[in-house]
Amino acid sequence: GGYNLGIGVEVPLNKNFSGRIEYDYIKYDSFNNNGNVSSSNSPSDNLGLASLLYRF
């Protein structure tokens, strides 16, 4: 579980091509490891994407 927040934009470059950029922040559920060594984990990811799209 967790959540994902993102923002992006797509813009036409000409008749057939467009460009797109996107940013996502992904936060996963926290968890604890208990054993010989204990740790508390709160993982997350930052994801950036850039795309060039072609339309027929």
Protein backbone atom coordinates (compact mmCIF):
# COMPACT_ATOMS: atom_id res chain seq x y z
CA GLY A 1 0.00 0.00 0.00
CA GLY A 2 0.85 3.65 -0.07
CA TYR A 3 0.12 6.56 -2.37
CA ASN A 4 1.30 8.22 -5.57
CA LEU A 5 1.30 11.96 -6.32
CA GLY A 6 2.12 13.16 -9.80
CA ILE A 7 2.08 16.05 -12.22
CA GLY A 8 2.72 16.19 -15.92
CA VAL A 9 2.24 18.16 -19.10
CA GLU A 10 2.00 17.27 -22.78
CA VAL A 11 2.57 19.87 -25.53
CA PRO A 12 2.22 19.58 -29.30
CA LEU A 13 5.47 20.16 -31.18
CA ASN A 14 3.99 19.95 -34.70
CA LYS A 15 1.27 18.04 -36.60
CA ASN A 16 2.62 14.58 -35.73
CA PHE A 17 4.88 15.00 -32.68
CA SER A 18 4.25 15.99 -29.09
CA GLY A 19 6.45 16.02 -26.01
CA ARG A 20 5.49 15.01 -22.50
CA ILE A 21 7.17 15.33 -19.11
CA GLU A 22 5.94 13.84 -15.85
CA TYR A 23 7.03 13.71 -12.21
CA ASP A 24 5.72 11.18 -9.67
CA TYR A 25 6.34 10.88 -5.94
CA ILE A 26 5.56 7.39 -4.65
CA LYS A 27 5.30 6.72 -0.90
CA TYR A 28 5.04 3.13 0.27
CA ASP A 29 3.72 1.92 3.62
CA SER A 30 6.23 2.01 6.48
CA PHE A 31 7.34 -1.26 8.01
CA ASN A 32 9.58 -2.50 10.82
CA ASN A 33 12.12 -5.31 10.72
CA ASN A 34 12.45 -6.98 14.09
CA GLY A 35 15.04 -9.65 14.67
CA ASN A 36 18.72 -9.68 15.57
CA VAL A 37 18.94 -6.24 13.98
CA SER A 38 15.90 -3.97 14.14
CA SER A 39 15.14 -1.23 11.65
CA SER A 40 12.27 1.05 10.76
CA ASN A 41 11.74 1.62 7.04
CA SER A 42 9.75 4.31 5.26
CA PRO A 43 10.45 3.75 1.54
CA SER A 44 9.64 6.24 -1.21
CA ASP A 45 10.55 6.86 -4.86
CA ASN A 46 10.90 9.92 -7.07
CA LEU A 47 10.26 9.24 -10.75
CA GLY A 48 10.80 11.60 -13.68
CA LEU A 49 9.75 10.74 -17.23
CA ALA A 50 10.23 12.47 -20.57
CA SER A 51 8.51 11.21 -23.73
CA LEU A 52 8.44 12.03 -27.40
CA LEU A 53 5.18 10.86 -29.01
CA TYR A 54 4.41 10.32 -32.69
CA ARG A 55 0.86 10.25 -34.06
CA PHE A 56 0.04 8.67 -37.44
